[in-house]
């Protein structure tokens, strides 16, 4: 039958579209309910279209404060994890030293370890050191678990680099710093950017490790969890929708820049 033949030819495309729809559906629900005006405390049933939450996204006490704190922690955690992770990735790929294999294996431990185990371990470490739980303990914890993801992303990029390009730069009398800045870093930049974006998303979204080590500090995921116990304000959906739209725009801009570079390289 023509219909069955068409399905067989496009089975992969159909499966991909269904998977994409399944993944995006929760985001669409969040987006739709950001325009809702609930009658009670919980924003779980559609009542009436309204733009009130969009006009006043900070109308709920401490919401924007927790959001600002999460953005600050994610920003500094991304900087720290990206700097350290890039250095570790280059060291593991470019240099030979003792325990190199063991270190490469240990890098994957935070990725494989359950978050609750890491959270409890970090809490024990901070308490034994006498550290006061708060902003700095959360930041240190986020840098620690984001580091593995950055190393993995940058390491894959560095391993695929052609060393002859750097050798050609040195043959043209470029110094080590000039070679790194003008040749090595631009080639490794996509991997570094991917690791940084992943670190930012993981840090901003984390709840378990943050909840163990935050003390009285309240980040945005902790605020959402606390609000769910008392009543979910529509402003949470507004913030979630805004973050989703910003992420999609960043991906689209990146794809557009990449396609333009490819077209320019062909021409």
Protein backbone atom coordinates (compact mmCIF):
# COMPACT_ATOMS: atom_id res chain seq x y z
CA UNK A 1 0.00 0.00 0.00
CA UNK A 2 1.25 3.55 -0.75
CA UNK A 3 0.70 4.68 2.83
CA UNK A 4 2.79 1.85 4.31
CA UNK A 5 5.58 2.49 1.79
CA UNK A 6 5.59 6.18 2.68
CA UNK A 7 5.76 5.34 6.41
CA UNK A 8 8.67 2.95 5.83
CA UNK A 9 10.60 5.54 3.83
CA UNK A 10 10.06 8.24 6.45
CA UNK A 11 10.11 6.10 9.60
CA UNK A 12 13.25 7.73 10.99
CA UNK A 13 11.87 11.24 10.38
CA UNK A 14 8.53 10.34 11.98
CA UNK A 15 10.25 8.83 15.03
CA UNK A 16 12.44 11.92 15.36
CA UNK A 17 9.48 14.30 15.17
CA UNK A 18 7.51 12.28 17.73
CA UNK A 19 10.48 12.26 20.09
CA UNK A 20 10.96 16.01 19.65
CA UNK A 21 7.26 16.62 20.32
CA UNK A 22 7.44 14.46 23.45
CA UNK A 23 10.42 16.47 24.72
CA UNK A 24 8.93 19.89 23.92
CA UNK A 25 5.42 19.15 25.23
CA UNK A 26 6.22 20.04 28.90
CA UNK A 27 7.72 23.35 27.76
CA UNK A 28 4.60 24.12 25.75
CA UNK A 29 2.44 23.39 28.80
CA UNK A 30 4.57 25.74 30.91
CA UNK A 31 4.32 28.40 28.20
CA UNK A 32 0.54 28.11 27.91
CA UNK A 33 -0.03 28.28 31.66
CA UNK A 34 2.14 31.39 31.92
CA UNK A 35 -0.88 33.21 30.43
CA UNK A 36 -3.32 31.68 32.91
CA UNK A 37 -5.17 33.46 35.72
CA UNK A 38 -5.86 30.78 38.33
CA UNK A 39 -8.61 31.18 40.88
CA UNK A 40 -6.76 29.41 43.68
CA UNK A 41 -3.15 29.10 44.78
CA UNK A 42 -2.19 26.38 42.30
CA UNK A 43 -1.69 26.99 38.60
CA UNK A 44 -2.66 23.48 37.51
CA UNK A 45 -6.00 24.07 35.75
CA UNK A 46 -6.77 26.54 32.96
CA UNK A 47 -9.15 29.27 34.05
CA UNK A 48 -8.74 32.50 32.10
CA UNK A 49 -6.30 34.13 29.69
CA UNK A 50 -4.34 36.93 31.33
CA UNK A 51 -1.13 38.93 30.88
CA UNK A 52 -0.90 39.94 34.54
CA UNK A 53 2.01 37.62 35.33
CA UNK A 54 3.97 38.83 32.27
CA UNK A 55 3.40 42.46 33.25
CA UNK A 56 4.76 41.83 36.76
CA UNK A 57 7.13 38.81 36.72
CA UNK A 58 8.62 39.87 40.07
CA UNK A 59 5.23 40.21 41.71
CA UNK A 60 5.91 37.23 44.00
CA UNK A 61 8.13 37.94 46.99
CA UNK A 62 11.73 36.66 46.71
CA UNK A 63 11.20 35.17 43.23
CA UNK A 64 13.46 37.57 41.35
CA UNK A 65 15.93 37.55 44.24
CA UNK A 66 16.31 33.77 44.00
CA UNK A 67 16.52 34.02 40.20
CA UNK A 68 19.28 36.63 40.43
CA UNK A 69 21.17 34.44 42.89
CA UNK A 70 20.90 31.39 40.62
CA UNK A 71 22.15 33.40 37.65
CA UNK A 72 25.12 34.70 39.67
CA UNK A 73 26.08 31.23 40.88
CA UNK A 74 25.66 29.76 37.39
CA UNK A 75 27.78 32.55 35.85
CA UNK A 76 30.70 32.19 38.26
CA UNK A 77 30.46 28.40 38.29
CA UNK A 78 30.60 28.42 34.50
CA UNK A 79 33.68 30.64 34.48
CA UNK A 80 35.47 28.54 37.09
CA UNK A 81 34.53 25.17 35.61
CA UNK A 82 35.34 26.28 32.05
CA UNK A 83 38.78 27.64 32.98
CA UNK A 84 39.75 24.62 35.06
CA UNK A 85 38.12 22.11 32.72
CA UNK A 86 39.84 23.51 29.64
CA UNK A 87 43.23 23.35 31.34
CA UNK A 88 42.61 19.78 32.52
CA UNK A 89 41.42 18.69 29.07
CA UNK A 90 44.53 20.07 27.35
CA UNK A 91 46.75 18.46 29.99
CA UNK A 92 45.13 15.03 29.58
CA UNK A 93 45.35 15.13 25.77
CA UNK A 94 48.68 16.86 25.15
CA UNK A 95 50.93 15.63 28.00
CA UNK A 96 52.11 12.27 29.29
CA UNK A 97 52.51 11.92 33.05
CA UNK A 98 52.03 9.38 35.80
CA UNK A 99 48.48 8.48 36.81
CA UNK A 100 47.15 10.08 33.62
CA UNK A 101 44.82 7.16 33.01
CA UNK A 102 43.60 7.16 36.60
CA UNK A 103 42.87 10.88 36.46
CA UNK A 104 40.96 10.44 33.19
CA UNK A 105 38.83 7.79 34.88
CA UNK A 106 38.27 9.88 38.00
CA UNK A 107 37.01 12.77 35.87
CA UNK A 108 33.92 10.71 35.02
CA UNK A 109 33.06 9.93 38.66
CA UNK A 110 30.93 13.06 39.28
CA UNK A 111 28.99 12.27 36.09
CA UNK A 112 28.32 8.67 37.12
CA UNK A 113 27.81 9.23 40.84
CA UNK A 114 24.24 9.83 42.10
CA UNK A 115 23.74 13.49 42.99
CA UNK A 116 22.50 12.71 46.48
CA UNK A 117 25.75 10.88 47.26
CA UNK A 118 27.86 13.77 46.02
CA UNK A 119 25.66 16.26 47.87
CA UNK A 120 26.01 14.39 51.17
CA UNK A 121 29.77 14.00 50.67
CA UNK A 122 30.25 17.70 49.99
CA UNK A 123 28.10 18.60 53.00
CA UNK A 124 30.25 16.36 55.21
CA UNK A 125 33.41 17.97 53.82
CA UNK A 126 32.17 21.50 54.43
CA UNK A 127 30.99 20.70 57.96
CA UNK A 128 34.31 19.06 58.86
CA UNK A 129 36.14 22.13 57.55
CA UNK A 130 33.90 24.39 59.63
CA UNK A 131 32.69 26.26 56.54
CA UNK A 132 29.50 28.26 56.79
CA UNK A 133 26.92 26.98 54.31
CA UNK A 134 25.78 29.59 51.82
CA UNK A 135 26.74 31.21 48.54
CA UNK A 136 30.37 30.09 48.53
CA UNK A 137 29.73 26.46 49.43
CA UNK A 138 27.11 26.25 46.68
CA UNK A 139 29.50 27.85 44.18
CA UNK A 140 32.33 25.43 45.08
CA UNK A 141 29.96 22.47 44.79
CA UNK A 142 28.68 23.62 41.39
CA UNK A 143 32.19 24.12 40.01
CA UNK A 144 33.08 20.63 41.19
CA UNK A 145 30.27 18.75 39.46
CA UNK A 146 30.30 20.97 36.33
CA UNK A 147 34.03 20.41 35.87
CA UNK A 148 33.62 16.85 34.57
CA UNK A 149 31.18 17.90 31.85
CA UNK A 150 33.47 20.70 30.66
CA UNK A 151 36.50 18.39 30.57
CA UNK A 152 34.57 15.81 28.54
CA UNK A 153 33.36 18.37 25.98
CA UNK A 154 36.70 20.14 25.57
CA UNK A 155 38.70 16.90 25.57
CA UNK A 156 36.69 15.54 22.64
CA UNK A 157 37.38 18.72 20.67
CA UNK A 158 41.10 18.81 21.49
CA UNK A 159 41.54 15.15 20.49
CA UNK A 160 40.11 15.91 17.04
CA UNK A 161 42.46 18.86 16.43
CA UNK A 162 45.15 18.52 13.77
CA UNK A 163 48.54 19.18 15.45
CA UNK A 164 50.04 20.10 12.08
CA UNK A 165 48.21 23.44 12.20
CA UNK A 166 50.07 24.42 15.36
CA UNK A 167 53.32 23.15 13.88
CA UNK A 168 52.73 25.33 10.82
CA UNK A 169 52.19 28.35 13.07
CA UNK A 170 55.47 27.67 14.88
CA UNK A 171 57.24 27.26 11.53
CA UNK A 172 56.02 30.76 10.69
CA UNK A 173 57.80 32.06 13.82
CA UNK A 174 54.70 32.34 16.02
CA UNK A 175 55.48 32.12 19.71
CA UNK A 176 53.71 29.73 22.11
CA UNK A 177 51.26 32.39 23.29
CA UNK A 178 50.54 33.64 19.78
CA UNK A 179 50.04 30.07 18.53
CA UNK A 180 47.62 29.31 21.34
CA UNK A 181 45.62 32.52 20.94
CA UNK A 182 45.42 32.57 17.14
CA UNK A 183 45.37 28.86 16.25
CA UNK A 184 44.68 26.52 19.17
CA UNK A 185 42.02 28.54 20.97
CA UNK A 186 39.83 29.30 17.89
CA UNK A 187 39.85 25.62 16.92
CA UNK A 188 38.99 24.50 20.46
CA UNK A 189 36.41 27.28 20.92
CA UNK A 190 33.34 25.20 19.88
CA UNK A 191 34.16 22.55 22.49
CA UNK A 192 34.85 25.18 25.14
CA UNK A 193 31.58 26.97 24.32
CA UNK A 194 29.64 23.70 24.46
CA UNK A 195 31.16 22.86 27.84
CA UNK A 196 30.42 26.35 29.17
CA UNK A 197 26.78 26.27 28.04
CA UNK A 198 26.32 22.82 29.54
CA UNK A 199 27.90 23.94 32.81
CA UNK A 200 25.64 26.99 32.98
CA UNK A 201 22.51 24.93 32.37
CA UNK A 202 23.49 22.29 34.94
CA UNK A 203 24.39 24.87 37.57
CA UNK A 204 21.25 26.95 37.08
CA UNK A 205 19.02 23.88 37.16
CA UNK A 206 20.60 21.99 40.07
CA UNK A 207 18.48 21.31 43.14
CA UNK A 208 19.78 18.28 45.06
CA UNK A 209 23.40 19.36 45.59
CA UNK A 210 22.32 22.95 46.17
CA UNK A 211 19.69 21.96 48.72
CA UNK A 212 22.26 20.05 50.79
CA UNK A 213 24.88 22.81 50.80
CA UNK A 214 22.91 26.06 50.59
CA UNK A 215 22.15 26.68 54.25
CA UNK A 216 19.74 29.62 54.32
CA UNK A 217 20.53 30.57 50.69
CA UNK A 218 17.57 30.08 48.35
CA UNK A 219 18.19 29.60 44.63
CA UNK A 220 15.51 29.59 41.95
CA UNK A 221 15.06 25.77 41.84
CA UNK A 222 14.74 25.77 45.64
CA UNK A 223 12.20 28.59 45.43
CA UNK A 224 10.16 26.61 42.88
CA UNK A 225 10.23 23.52 45.09
CA UNK A 226 9.15 25.52 48.12
CA UNK A 227 6.40 27.28 46.19
CA UNK A 228 5.02 23.93 45.02
CA UNK A 229 4.23 23.11 48.65
CA UNK A 230 2.24 26.31 49.23
CA UNK A 231 0.93 27.15 45.77
CA UNK A 232 2.63 27.65 42.43
CA UNK A 233 2.51 31.27 41.21
CA UNK A 234 2.09 31.96 37.50
CA UNK A 235 5.31 33.99 37.54
CA UNK A 236 7.29 30.74 37.76
CA UNK A 237 5.85 29.74 34.39
CA UNK A 238 6.78 33.17 33.05
CA UNK A 239 10.42 32.77 34.11
CA UNK A 240 10.52 29.23 32.73
CA UNK A 241 9.08 30.35 29.41
CA UNK A 242 11.56 33.22 29.15
CA UNK A 243 14.50 30.90 29.86
CA UNK A 244 13.25 28.40 27.27
CA UNK A 245 12.83 31.08 24.59
CA UNK A 246 16.29 32.50 25.31
CA UNK A 247 17.86 29.04 25.04
CA UNK A 248 16.11 28.34 21.72
CA UNK A 249 17.19 31.71 20.33
CA UNK A 250 20.80 31.04 21.34
CA UNK A 251 20.72 27.68 19.54
CA UNK A 252 19.20 29.25 16.43
CA UNK A 253 21.77 32.05 16.41
CA UNK A 254 24.57 29.52 16.79
CA UNK A 255 23.23 27.43 13.92
CA UNK A 256 22.89 30.53 11.76
CA UNK A 257 26.48 31.61 12.45
CA UNK A 258 27.77 28.09 11.76
CA UNK A 259 25.87 27.86 8.46
CA UNK A 260 27.19 31.25 7.34
CA UNK A 261 30.75 30.23 8.16
CA UNK A 262 30.35 27.05 6.13
CA UNK A 263 28.93 28.94 3.17
CA UNK A 264 31.76 31.50 3.35
CA UNK A 265 34.34 28.73 3.54
CA UNK A 266 32.89 27.08 0.43
CA UNK A 267 32.92 30.35 -1.46
